[in-house]
Amino acid sequence: MKQGKDKLWMSGILAGILPHTFCILFVLLSIIGATTATVFLKPLLLHKNFFYFLILLSFAFATLSASLYLAKNGILSLAGLKRKWQYLGLLYGLTVIINLFLFLFIFPATANFNRQTAGTLSAPNQIKEIALKVEIPCSGHASLITEELKKNKGVQGVAFELPNIFRITYETTITNHDEILGLEIFKSFKPSILP
């Protein structure tokens, strides 16, 4: 009996993680600096609803996994749903928990990974900070904004704060806030300067 419960837990955990494979791969590739993968994913990431689509996809895969599991056991019916409510609760619960974990912890951590850029040593009066509130639909887009900001040679560092605040430190002799606000990424995601 214990072995059956262990299999139930393992299949539930696996079914809860599998739908998030693409998100997890994106995070891993971003962290190890696989810029070519990011280049291929960038058109998808620029779409405002991309991460919502991934959430729906994760629930679709969870539903497919649950359907296959119930069909394999010959109980794909309302009675089977009632009988396996613990398995289904675990499956969908893990899907929700993993989505929350990604959006509240992993994506913000990825955006803040390597916060400082390689900059020159400057006099303190040549360094300024600007805080931007950017219209991103979720924290999954934060890494995209951060990476685009770091391409500006004058940007010394970028810090992301939930839900959509970016604190940018820049060297005034190299760039200014108009150049920062003029970045291509801000045509897709509108910024506003915070006081």
N, C-alpha and C. Protein backbone atom coordinates (compact mmCIF):
# COMPACT_ATOMS: atom_id res chain seq x y z
N MET A 1 0.83 -1.20 0.00
CA MET A 1 0.00 0.00 0.00
C MET A 1 0.87 1.26 0.00
N LYS A 2 1.95 1.24 0.80
CA LYS A 2 2.84 2.40 0.86
C LYS A 2 3.50 2.66 -0.48
N GLN A 3 3.87 1.60 -1.19
CA GLN A 3 4.51 1.75 -2.49
C GLN A 3 3.55 2.42 -3.48
N GLY A 4 2.27 2.10 -3.41
CA GLY A 4 1.26 2.72 -4.27
C GLY A 4 1.14 4.21 -4.00
N LYS A 5 1.19 4.59 -2.71
CA LYS A 5 1.11 6.02 -2.36
C LYS A 5 2.36 6.76 -2.81
N ASP A 6 3.53 6.10 -2.70
CA ASP A 6 4.76 6.74 -3.18
C ASP A 6 4.70 6.97 -4.68
N LYS A 7 4.18 6.00 -5.43
CA LYS A 7 4.04 6.17 -6.88
C LYS A 7 3.06 7.30 -7.18
N LEU A 8 1.99 7.38 -6.39
CA LEU A 8 1.00 8.44 -6.57
C LEU A 8 1.65 9.81 -6.38
N TRP A 9 2.42 9.95 -5.33
CA TRP A 9 3.10 11.21 -5.07
C TRP A 9 4.09 11.54 -6.18
N MET A 10 4.89 10.57 -6.58
CA MET A 10 5.89 10.81 -7.62
C MET A 10 5.24 11.17 -8.96
N SER A 11 4.18 10.47 -9.31
CA SER A 11 3.52 10.79 -10.59
C SER A 11 2.84 12.15 -10.50
N GLY A 12 2.32 12.51 -9.34
CA GLY A 12 1.72 13.84 -9.16
C GLY A 12 2.75 14.94 -9.25
N ILE A 13 3.88 14.74 -8.61
CA ILE A 13 4.96 15.74 -8.66
C ILE A 13 5.49 15.88 -10.08
N LEU A 14 5.73 14.75 -10.74
CA LEU A 14 6.22 14.79 -12.12
C LEU A 14 5.20 15.48 -13.04
N ALA A 15 3.94 15.16 -12.88
CA ALA A 15 2.90 15.78 -13.71
C ALA A 15 2.77 17.27 -13.41
N GLY A 16 3.07 17.68 -12.19
CA GLY A 16 3.03 19.09 -11.84
C GLY A 16 4.21 19.87 -12.37
N ILE A 17 5.36 19.22 -12.50
CA ILE A 17 6.57 19.90 -12.99
C ILE A 17 6.65 19.92 -14.51
N LEU A 18 6.25 18.84 -15.16
CA LEU A 18 6.36 18.75 -16.62
C LEU A 18 5.75 19.93 -17.37
N PRO A 19 4.58 20.44 -16.98
CA PRO A 19 4.01 21.55 -17.73
C PRO A 19 4.87 22.82 -17.70
N HIS A 20 5.79 22.90 -16.76
CA HIS A 20 6.60 24.11 -16.62
C HIS A 20 7.99 23.96 -17.23
N THR A 21 8.19 22.94 -18.01
CA THR A 21 9.49 22.66 -18.59
C THR A 21 10.05 23.84 -19.37
N PHE A 22 9.22 24.49 -20.19
CA PHE A 22 9.72 25.60 -21.00
C PHE A 22 10.11 26.79 -20.13
N CYS A 23 9.33 27.08 -19.10
CA CYS A 23 9.69 28.18 -18.18
C CYS A 23 11.00 27.87 -17.47
N ILE A 24 11.13 26.64 -16.99
CA ILE A 24 12.33 26.25 -16.27
C ILE A 24 13.54 26.30 -17.20
N LEU A 25 13.38 25.82 -18.43
CA LEU A 25 14.48 25.89 -19.40
C LEU A 25 14.87 27.34 -19.70
N PHE A 26 13.88 28.22 -19.83
CA PHE A 26 14.19 29.62 -20.10
C PHE A 26 15.01 30.21 -18.95
N VAL A 27 14.59 29.93 -17.72
CA VAL A 27 15.32 30.45 -16.56
C VAL A 27 16.75 29.90 -16.54
N LEU A 28 16.90 28.60 -16.74
CA LEU A 28 18.24 28.00 -16.74
C LEU A 28 19.11 28.56 -17.85
N LEU A 29 18.56 28.68 -19.05
CA LEU A 29 19.34 29.22 -20.16
C LEU A 29 19.71 30.68 -19.93
N SER A 30 18.81 31.43 -19.31
CA SER A 30 19.13 32.83 -18.99
C SER A 30 20.27 32.92 -17.99
N ILE A 31 20.21 32.07 -16.97
CA ILE A 31 21.23 32.11 -15.93
C ILE A 31 22.59 31.71 -16.46
N ILE A 32 22.66 30.71 -17.32
CA ILE A 32 23.97 30.29 -17.82
C ILE A 32 24.42 31.14 -19.01
N GLY A 33 23.60 32.13 -19.36
CA GLY A 33 24.03 33.07 -20.39
C GLY A 33 23.88 32.56 -21.80
N ALA A 34 22.90 31.73 -22.06
CA ALA A 34 22.69 31.23 -23.41
C ALA A 34 21.94 32.29 -24.22
N THR A 35 22.68 33.29 -24.67
CA THR A 35 22.05 34.41 -25.36
C THR A 35 21.39 33.99 -26.66
N THR A 36 21.91 32.98 -27.32
CA THR A 36 21.28 32.55 -28.57
C THR A 36 19.88 32.02 -28.31
N ALA A 37 19.68 31.30 -27.22
CA ALA A 37 18.34 30.81 -26.90
C ALA A 37 17.42 31.98 -26.60
N THR A 38 17.94 32.99 -25.90
CA THR A 38 17.15 34.17 -25.58
C THR A 38 16.76 34.92 -26.85
N VAL A 39 17.66 34.96 -27.82
CA VAL A 39 17.37 35.63 -29.09
C VAL A 39 16.19 34.94 -29.78
N PHE A 40 16.15 33.62 -29.76
CA PHE A 40 15.05 32.90 -30.38
C PHE A 40 13.75 33.08 -29.61
N LEU A 41 13.83 33.18 -28.30
CA LEU A 41 12.64 33.34 -27.47
C LEU A 41 12.14 34.78 -27.39
N LYS A 42 12.99 35.75 -27.75
CA LYS A 42 12.65 37.15 -27.57
C LYS A 42 11.35 37.56 -28.26
N PRO A 43 11.10 37.16 -29.52
CA PRO A 43 9.81 37.54 -30.12
C PRO A 43 8.60 37.04 -29.32
N LEU A 44 8.72 35.86 -28.73
CA LEU A 44 7.63 35.35 -27.90
C LEU A 44 7.51 36.15 -26.61
N LEU A 45 8.65 36.48 -26.01
CA LEU A 45 8.65 37.22 -24.75
C LEU A 45 8.11 38.63 -24.91
N LEU A 46 8.26 39.21 -26.09
CA LEU A 46 7.74 40.56 -26.33
C LEU A 46 6.22 40.59 -26.38
N HIS A 47 5.61 39.45 -26.57
CA HIS A 47 4.14 39.40 -26.57
C HIS A 47 3.67 39.51 -25.13
N LYS A 48 2.80 40.46 -24.85
CA LYS A 48 2.37 40.74 -23.47
C LYS A 48 1.69 39.56 -22.79
N ASN A 49 1.06 38.70 -23.55
CA ASN A 49 0.31 37.59 -22.96
C ASN A 49 1.05 36.26 -22.99
N PHE A 50 2.34 36.28 -23.33
CA PHE A 50 3.10 35.05 -23.46
C PHE A 50 3.09 34.22 -22.17
N PHE A 51 3.34 34.86 -21.03
CA PHE A 51 3.42 34.10 -19.78
C PHE A 51 2.04 33.62 -19.31
N TYR A 52 1.00 34.37 -19.66
CA TYR A 52 -0.36 33.89 -19.36
C TYR A 52 -0.66 32.65 -20.20
N PHE A 53 -0.18 32.67 -21.43
CA PHE A 53 -0.34 31.49 -22.29
C PHE A 53 0.37 30.29 -21.67
N LEU A 54 1.57 30.52 -21.11
CA LEU A 54 2.30 29.42 -20.46
C LEU A 54 1.54 28.88 -19.25
N ILE A 55 0.87 29.76 -18.52
CA ILE A 55 0.07 29.30 -17.38
C ILE A 55 -1.08 28.42 -17.87
N LEU A 56 -1.77 28.90 -18.90
CA LEU A 56 -2.86 28.09 -19.47
C LEU A 56 -2.34 26.76 -20.01
N LEU A 57 -1.17 26.82 -20.64
CA LEU A 57 -0.56 25.60 -21.17
C LEU A 57 -0.22 24.62 -20.04
N SER A 58 0.26 25.14 -18.92
CA SER A 58 0.58 24.26 -17.79
C SER A 58 -0.67 23.56 -17.26
N PHE A 59 -1.80 24.29 -17.20
CA PHE A 59 -3.04 23.66 -16.76
C PHE A 59 -3.58 22.68 -17.81
N ALA A 60 -3.37 23.01 -19.09
CA ALA A 60 -3.79 22.08 -20.15
C ALA A 60 -3.00 20.77 -20.06
N PHE A 61 -1.67 20.88 -19.84
CA PHE A 61 -0.86 19.68 -19.69
C PHE A 61 -1.24 18.90 -18.42
N ALA A 62 -1.56 19.64 -17.35
CA ALA A 62 -1.99 18.96 -16.12
C ALA A 62 -3.29 18.19 -16.37
N THR A 63 -4.20 18.81 -17.12
CA THR A 63 -5.47 18.15 -17.44
C THR A 63 -5.24 16.94 -18.33
N LEU A 64 -4.36 17.08 -19.31
CA LEU A 64 -4.02 15.95 -20.19
C LEU A 64 -3.40 14.83 -19.37
N SER A 65 -2.49 15.19 -18.48
CA SER A 65 -1.83 14.18 -17.64
C SER A 65 -2.86 13.47 -16.76
N ALA A 66 -3.78 14.23 -16.17
CA ALA A 66 -4.81 13.64 -15.32
C ALA A 66 -5.72 12.72 -16.14
N SER A 67 -6.08 13.16 -17.34
CA SER A 67 -6.95 12.35 -18.21
C SER A 67 -6.27 11.03 -18.58
N LEU A 68 -5.00 11.11 -18.95
CA LEU A 68 -4.26 9.90 -19.31
C LEU A 68 -4.14 8.96 -18.12
N TYR A 69 -3.88 9.53 -16.94
CA TYR A 69 -3.75 8.71 -15.73
C TYR A 69 -5.07 8.00 -15.43
N LEU A 70 -6.17 8.76 -15.48
CA LEU A 70 -7.47 8.16 -15.18
C LEU A 70 -7.87 7.13 -16.23
N ALA A 71 -7.58 7.44 -17.50
CA ALA A 71 -7.91 6.49 -18.57
C ALA A 71 -7.08 5.21 -18.44
N LYS A 72 -5.81 5.36 -18.09
CA LYS A 72 -4.93 4.19 -17.93
C LYS A 72 -5.44 3.27 -16.83
N ASN A 73 -6.03 3.86 -15.81
CA ASN A 73 -6.57 3.07 -14.69
C ASN A 73 -8.04 2.70 -14.89
N GLY A 74 -8.59 3.04 -16.07
CA GLY A 74 -9.97 2.66 -16.39
C GLY A 74 -11.01 3.38 -15.57
N ILE A 75 -10.68 4.58 -15.10
CA ILE A 75 -11.64 5.31 -14.25
C ILE A 75 -11.85 6.75 -14.74
N LEU A 76 -11.82 6.95 -16.05
CA LEU A 76 -12.04 8.28 -16.61
C LEU A 76 -13.54 8.56 -16.61
N SER A 77 -14.02 8.96 -15.43
CA SER A 77 -15.45 9.23 -15.24
C SER A 77 -15.60 10.12 -14.02
N LEU A 78 -16.82 10.57 -13.77
CA LEU A 78 -17.08 11.38 -12.59
C LEU A 78 -16.77 10.61 -11.31
N ALA A 79 -17.11 9.34 -11.32
CA ALA A 79 -16.79 8.49 -10.17
C ALA A 79 -15.27 8.37 -9.99
N GLY A 80 -14.56 8.26 -11.10
CA GLY A 80 -13.09 8.20 -11.04
C GLY A 80 -12.50 9.49 -10.50
N LEU A 81 -13.09 10.62 -10.89
CA LEU A 81 -12.63 11.92 -10.37
C LEU A 81 -12.81 11.98 -8.85
N LYS A 82 -13.96 11.51 -8.39
CA LYS A 82 -14.22 11.51 -6.94
C LYS A 82 -13.27 10.57 -6.22
N ARG A 83 -13.00 9.44 -6.85
CA ARG A 83 -12.12 8.44 -6.23
C ARG A 83 -10.68 8.92 -6.14
N LYS A 84 -10.24 9.63 -7.18
CA LYS A 84 -8.84 10.09 -7.23
C LYS A 84 -8.70 11.58 -6.95
N TRP A 85 -9.56 12.13 -6.11
CA TRP A 85 -9.52 13.56 -5.82
C TRP A 85 -8.20 13.99 -5.20
N GLN A 86 -7.57 13.11 -4.43
CA GLN A 86 -6.28 13.47 -3.81
C GLN A 86 -5.20 13.63 -4.88
N TYR A 87 -5.17 12.71 -5.81
CA TYR A 87 -4.21 12.80 -6.92
C TYR A 87 -4.44 14.08 -7.71
N LEU A 88 -5.69 14.35 -8.06
CA LEU A 88 -6.02 15.54 -8.84
C LEU A 88 -5.73 16.82 -8.05
N GLY A 89 -6.02 16.79 -6.76
CA GLY A 89 -5.70 17.94 -5.92
C GLY A 89 -4.21 18.21 -5.87
N LEU A 90 -3.42 17.15 -5.75
CA LEU A 90 -1.96 17.28 -5.75
C LEU A 90 -1.47 17.81 -7.10
N LEU A 91 -2.00 17.25 -8.17
CA LEU A 91 -1.58 17.65 -9.51
C LEU A 91 -1.85 19.14 -9.76
N TYR A 92 -3.09 19.56 -9.54
CA TYR A 92 -3.44 20.96 -9.79
C TYR A 92 -2.85 21.89 -8.73
N GLY A 93 -2.76 21.39 -7.51
CA GLY A 93 -2.13 22.20 -6.45
C GLY A 93 -0.67 22.49 -6.77
N LEU A 94 0.06 21.46 -7.22
CA LEU A 94 1.46 21.66 -7.61
C LEU A 94 1.58 22.60 -8.81
N THR A 95 0.64 22.51 -9.73
CA THR A 95 0.67 23.41 -10.89
C THR A 95 0.53 24.86 -10.42
N VAL A 96 -0.38 25.12 -9.50
CA VAL A 96 -0.56 26.47 -8.97
C VAL A 96 0.68 26.91 -8.18
N ILE A 97 1.18 26.03 -7.32
CA ILE A 97 2.35 26.38 -6.50
C ILE A 97 3.57 26.66 -7.36
N ILE A 98 3.80 25.85 -8.37
CA ILE A 98 4.97 26.06 -9.24
C ILE A 98 4.83 27.36 -10.02
N ASN A 99 3.62 27.66 -10.51
CA ASN A 99 3.41 28.95 -11.19
C ASN A 99 3.69 30.11 -10.25
N LEU A 100 3.17 30.06 -9.04
CA LEU A 100 3.42 31.12 -8.06
C LEU A 100 4.90 31.23 -7.74
N PHE A 101 5.56 30.10 -7.56
CA PHE A 101 6.99 30.10 -7.25
C PHE A 101 7.78 30.75 -8.39
N LEU A 102 7.43 30.43 -9.62
CA LEU A 102 8.11 31.03 -10.77
C LEU A 102 7.90 32.54 -10.80
N PHE A 103 6.67 32.99 -10.66
CA PHE A 103 6.35 34.41 -10.81
C PHE A 103 6.77 35.26 -9.62
N LEU A 104 6.77 34.68 -8.42
CA LEU A 104 7.11 35.46 -7.23
C LEU A 104 8.58 35.36 -6.82
N PHE A 105 9.27 34.28 -7.20
CA PHE A 105 10.65 34.10 -6.76
C PHE A 105 11.65 33.92 -7.90
N ILE A 106 11.40 32.96 -8.77
CA ILE A 106 12.39 32.62 -9.80
C ILE A 106 12.56 33.75 -10.81
N PHE A 107 11.46 34.24 -11.39
CA PHE A 107 11.58 35.30 -12.39
C PHE A 107 12.20 36.57 -11.81
N PRO A 108 11.78 37.04 -10.61
CA PRO A 108 12.47 38.21 -10.04
C PRO A 108 13.95 37.95 -9.75
N ALA A 109 14.27 36.75 -9.26
CA ALA A 109 15.68 36.43 -9.00
C ALA A 109 16.49 36.41 -10.28
N THR A 110 15.90 35.88 -11.35
CA THR A 110 16.58 35.86 -12.64
C THR A 110 16.81 37.28 -13.15
N ALA A 111 15.82 38.15 -12.96
CA ALA A 111 15.96 39.54 -13.41
C ALA A 111 17.07 40.25 -12.63
N ASN A 112 17.27 39.86 -11.37
CA ASN A 112 18.29 40.51 -10.54
C ASN A 112 19.62 39.76 -10.54
N PHE A 113 19.69 38.66 -11.28
CA PHE A 113 20.93 37.91 -11.37
C PHE A 113 21.98 38.79 -12.04
N ASN A 114 23.14 38.92 -11.40
CA ASN A 114 24.20 39.76 -11.95
C ASN A 114 23.71 41.19 -12.14
N ARG A 115 23.26 41.79 -11.03
CA ARG A 115 22.65 43.12 -11.06
C ARG A 115 23.58 44.21 -11.58
N GLN A 116 24.85 44.10 -11.27
CA GLN A 116 25.79 45.13 -11.70
C GLN A 116 26.35 44.78 -13.07
N THR A 117 26.52 45.79 -13.89
CA THR A 117 27.17 45.59 -15.18
C THR A 117 28.62 46.02 -15.05
N ALA A 118 29.43 45.62 -16.00
CA ALA A 118 30.84 46.02 -15.98
C ALA A 118 30.94 47.47 -16.41
N GLY A 119 31.15 48.34 -15.49
CA GLY A 119 31.23 49.76 -15.80
C GLY A 119 32.57 50.33 -15.38
N THR A 120 32.78 51.57 -15.74
CA THR A 120 34.01 52.25 -15.36
C THR A 120 33.85 52.86 -13.98
N LEU A 121 34.96 53.14 -13.34
CA LEU A 121 34.92 53.83 -12.07
C LEU A 121 34.65 55.30 -12.33
N SER A 122 33.62 55.84 -11.72
CA SER A 122 33.22 57.21 -11.98
C SER A 122 33.14 57.98 -10.68
N ALA A 123 33.20 59.29 -10.82
CA ALA A 123 33.02 60.15 -9.66
C ALA A 123 31.57 60.01 -9.19
N PRO A 124 31.33 60.08 -7.88
CA PRO A 124 29.97 59.90 -7.37
C PRO A 124 28.95 60.87 -7.98
N ASN A 125 29.39 62.08 -8.33
CA ASN A 125 28.44 63.04 -8.90
C ASN A 125 28.09 62.72 -10.36
N GLN A 126 28.77 61.75 -10.96
CA GLN A 126 28.46 61.34 -12.33
C GLN A 126 27.53 60.13 -12.37
N ILE A 127 27.18 59.61 -11.21
CA ILE A 127 26.30 58.45 -11.11
C ILE A 127 24.92 58.92 -10.63
N LYS A 128 23.90 58.53 -11.37
CA LYS A 128 22.53 58.86 -10.98
C LYS A 128 21.68 57.61 -11.01
N GLU A 129 20.53 57.71 -10.37
CA GLU A 129 19.58 56.60 -10.37
C GLU A 129 18.23 57.09 -10.86
N ILE A 130 17.60 56.25 -11.63
CA ILE A 130 16.25 56.53 -12.08
C ILE A 130 15.40 55.30 -11.75
N ALA A 131 14.21 55.55 -11.26
CA ALA A 131 13.28 54.45 -10.95
C ALA A 131 12.15 54.48 -11.97
N LEU A 132 11.94 53.36 -12.63
CA LEU A 132 10.90 53.25 -13.64
C LEU A 132 9.84 52.24 -13.22
N LYS A 133 8.61 52.62 -13.45
CA LYS A 133 7.49 51.68 -13.32
C LYS A 133 7.14 51.29 -14.74
N VAL A 134 7.36 50.02 -15.08
CA VAL A 134 7.20 49.55 -16.45
C VAL A 134 5.95 48.68 -16.54
N GLU A 135 5.16 48.92 -17.56
CA GLU A 135 3.91 48.18 -17.76
C GLU A 135 4.18 46.77 -18.30
N ILE A 136 4.71 45.93 -17.42
CA ILE A 136 4.89 44.52 -17.77
C ILE A 136 3.72 43.75 -17.15
N PRO A 137 3.19 42.77 -17.86
CA PRO A 137 2.04 42.04 -17.32
C PRO A 137 2.38 41.12 -16.15
N CYS A 138 3.66 40.70 -16.06
CA CYS A 138 4.05 39.82 -14.97
C CYS A 138 5.57 39.87 -14.83
N SER A 139 6.06 39.28 -13.75
CA SER A 139 7.50 39.29 -13.48
C SER A 139 8.30 38.47 -14.48
N GLY A 140 7.63 37.66 -15.28
CA GLY A 140 8.34 36.87 -16.29
C GLY A 140 9.01 37.74 -17.34
N HIS A 141 8.52 38.96 -17.54
CA HIS A 141 9.10 39.88 -18.51
C HIS A 141 10.24 40.71 -17.93
N ALA A 142 10.47 40.63 -16.63
CA ALA A 142 11.48 41.47 -15.98
C ALA A 142 12.89 41.21 -16.51
N SER A 143 13.23 39.95 -16.76
CA SER A 143 14.57 39.63 -17.28
C SER A 143 14.80 40.26 -18.64
N LEU A 144 13.77 40.28 -19.44
CA LEU A 144 13.86 40.87 -20.77
C LEU A 144 14.18 42.37 -20.66
N ILE A 145 13.49 43.06 -19.77
CA ILE A 145 13.72 44.50 -19.56
C ILE A 145 15.13 44.71 -19.02
N THR A 146 15.51 43.94 -18.03
CA THR A 146 16.83 44.08 -17.40
C THR A 146 17.95 43.88 -18.42
N GLU A 147 17.85 42.84 -19.23
CA GLU A 147 18.89 42.58 -20.23
C GLU A 147 18.99 43.69 -21.26
N GLU A 148 17.86 44.24 -21.67
CA GLU A 148 17.89 45.35 -22.63
C GLU A 148 18.51 46.59 -22.01
N LEU A 149 18.21 46.86 -20.75
CA LEU A 149 18.80 48.01 -20.07
C LEU A 149 20.31 47.88 -19.95
N LYS A 150 20.78 46.67 -19.68
CA LYS A 150 22.22 46.45 -19.50
C LYS A 150 23.00 46.60 -20.79
N LYS A 151 22.32 46.58 -21.94
CA LYS A 151 23.01 46.78 -23.22
C LYS A 151 23.47 48.22 -23.40
N ASN A 152 22.87 49.15 -22.67
CA ASN A 152 23.29 50.55 -22.69
C ASN A 152 24.60 50.66 -21.90
N LYS A 153 25.67 51.10 -22.55
CA LYS A 153 27.00 51.12 -21.92
C LYS A 153 27.06 51.98 -20.66
N GLY A 154 26.21 52.98 -20.56
CA GLY A 154 26.23 53.86 -19.39
C GLY A 154 25.52 53.30 -18.18
N VAL A 155 24.73 52.26 -18.37
CA VAL A 155 23.98 51.67 -17.25
C VAL A 155 24.95 50.87 -16.40
N GLN A 156 25.03 51.23 -15.12
CA GLN A 156 25.94 50.56 -14.19
C GLN A 156 25.28 49.39 -13.46
N GLY A 157 23.97 49.45 -13.29
CA GLY A 157 23.28 48.39 -12.59
C GLY A 157 21.77 48.53 -12.73
N VAL A 158 21.08 47.42 -12.61
CA VAL A 158 19.61 47.39 -12.68
C VAL A 158 19.11 46.49 -11.57
N ALA A 159 18.16 46.98 -10.80
CA ALA A 159 17.54 46.17 -9.74
C ALA A 159 16.04 46.13 -9.99
N PHE A 160 15.48 44.94 -10.00
CA PHE A 160 14.04 44.76 -10.20
C PHE A 160 13.37 44.52 -8.87
N GLU A 161 12.21 45.19 -8.67
CA GLU A 161 11.39 44.99 -7.48
C GLU A 161 9.97 44.65 -7.93
N LEU A 162 9.39 43.64 -7.31
CA LEU A 162 8.00 43.29 -7.62
C LEU A 162 7.08 44.45 -7.30
N PRO A 163 6.07 44.72 -8.08
CA PRO A 163 5.63 43.95 -9.22
C PRO A 163 6.25 44.41 -10.54
N ASN A 164 6.65 45.69 -10.65
CA ASN A 164 7.12 46.18 -11.95
C ASN A 164 8.04 47.40 -11.86
N ILE A 165 8.85 47.48 -10.82
CA ILE A 165 9.74 48.62 -10.60
C ILE A 165 11.18 48.23 -10.97
N PHE A 166 11.81 49.09 -11.73
CA PHE A 166 13.21 48.90 -12.12
C PHE A 166 14.00 50.11 -11.65
N ARG A 167 15.02 49.87 -10.82
CA ARG A 167 15.90 50.95 -10.36
C ARG A 167 17.19 50.84 -11.16
N ILE A 168 17.47 51.88 -11.93
CA ILE A 168 18.59 51.86 -12.86
C ILE A 168 19.63 52.88 -12.41
N THR A 169 20.85 52.41 -12.22
CA THR A 169 21.98 53.28 -11.90
C THR A 169 22.76 53.48 -13.19
N TYR A 170 23.03 54.76 -13.52
CA TYR A 170 23.72 55.02 -14.79
C TYR A 170 24.73 56.15 -14.62
N GLU A 171 25.71 56.15 -15.51
CA GLU A 171 26.76 57.16 -15.51
C GLU A 171 26.36 58.28 -16.47
N THR A 172 26.27 59.49 -15.94
CA THR A 172 25.75 60.63 -16.70
C THR A 172 26.67 61.07 -17.84
N THR A 173 27.94 60.71 -17.79
CA THR A 173 28.84 61.11 -18.88
C THR A 173 28.70 60.20 -20.09
N ILE A 174 28.04 59.05 -19.92
CA ILE A 174 27.89 58.10 -21.02
C ILE A 174 26.46 58.07 -21.54
N THR A 175 25.48 58.17 -20.66
CA THR A 175 24.07 58.09 -21.06
C THR A 175 23.24 59.02 -20.21
N ASN A 176 21.98 59.11 -20.53
CA ASN A 176 21.05 59.92 -19.73
C ASN A 176 19.69 59.23 -19.71
N HIS A 177 18.78 59.80 -18.93
CA HIS A 177 17.49 59.10 -18.78
C HIS A 177 16.67 59.12 -20.07
N ASP A 178 16.90 60.11 -20.95
CA ASP A 178 16.19 60.13 -22.24
C ASP A 178 16.62 58.96 -23.12
N GLU A 179 17.93 58.66 -23.12
CA GLU A 179 18.42 57.50 -23.89
C GLU A 179 17.87 56.21 -23.31
N ILE A 180 17.83 56.14 -22.00
CA ILE A 180 17.31 54.94 -21.35
C ILE A 180 15.84 54.76 -21.70
N LEU A 181 15.05 55.83 -21.60
CA LEU A 181 13.62 55.74 -21.92
C LEU A 181 13.37 55.50 -23.40
N GLY A 182 14.36 55.79 -24.24
CA GLY A 182 14.22 55.60 -25.68
C GLY A 182 14.58 54.22 -26.17
N LEU A 183 14.92 53.31 -25.26
CA LEU A 183 15.27 51.95 -25.67
C LEU A 183 14.10 51.28 -26.40
N GLU A 184 14.43 50.44 -27.35
CA GLU A 184 13.43 49.74 -28.17
C GLU A 184 12.42 48.95 -27.33
N ILE A 185 12.89 48.36 -26.24
CA ILE A 185 12.02 47.54 -25.41
C ILE A 185 10.84 48.33 -24.85
N PHE A 186 11.05 49.64 -24.65
CA PHE A 186 10.00 50.46 -24.05
C PHE A 186 8.92 50.86 -25.06
N LYS A 187 9.08 50.41 -26.30
CA LYS A 187 7.98 50.58 -27.26
C LYS A 187 6.93 49.50 -27.02
N SER A 188 7.37 48.37 -26.50
CA SER A 188 6.43 47.28 -26.19
C SER A 188 5.90 47.38 -24.77
N PHE A 189 6.73 47.83 -23.85
CA PHE A 189 6.35 47.93 -22.45
C PHE A 189 6.60 49.36 -21.98
N LYS A 190 5.53 50.13 -21.81
CA LYS A 190 5.63 51.56 -21.51
C LYS A 190 6.17 51.80 -20.10
N PRO A 191 7.19 52.70 -20.00
CA PRO A 191 7.72 53.06 -18.68
C PRO A 191 7.17 54.41 -18.21
N SER A 192 7.18 54.60 -16.92
CA SER A 192 6.91 55.91 -16.35
C SER A 192 7.91 56.12 -15.23
N ILE A 193 8.40 57.37 -15.12
CA ILE A 193 9.41 57.69 -14.11
C ILE A 193 8.73 57.87 -12.76
N LEU A 194 9.30 57.21 -11.75
CA LEU A 194 8.79 57.38 -10.38
C LEU A 194 9.55 58.53 -9.73
N PRO A 195 8.87 59.27 -8.85
CA PRO A 195 9.55 60.39 -8.16
C PRO A 195 10.61 59.90 -7.19
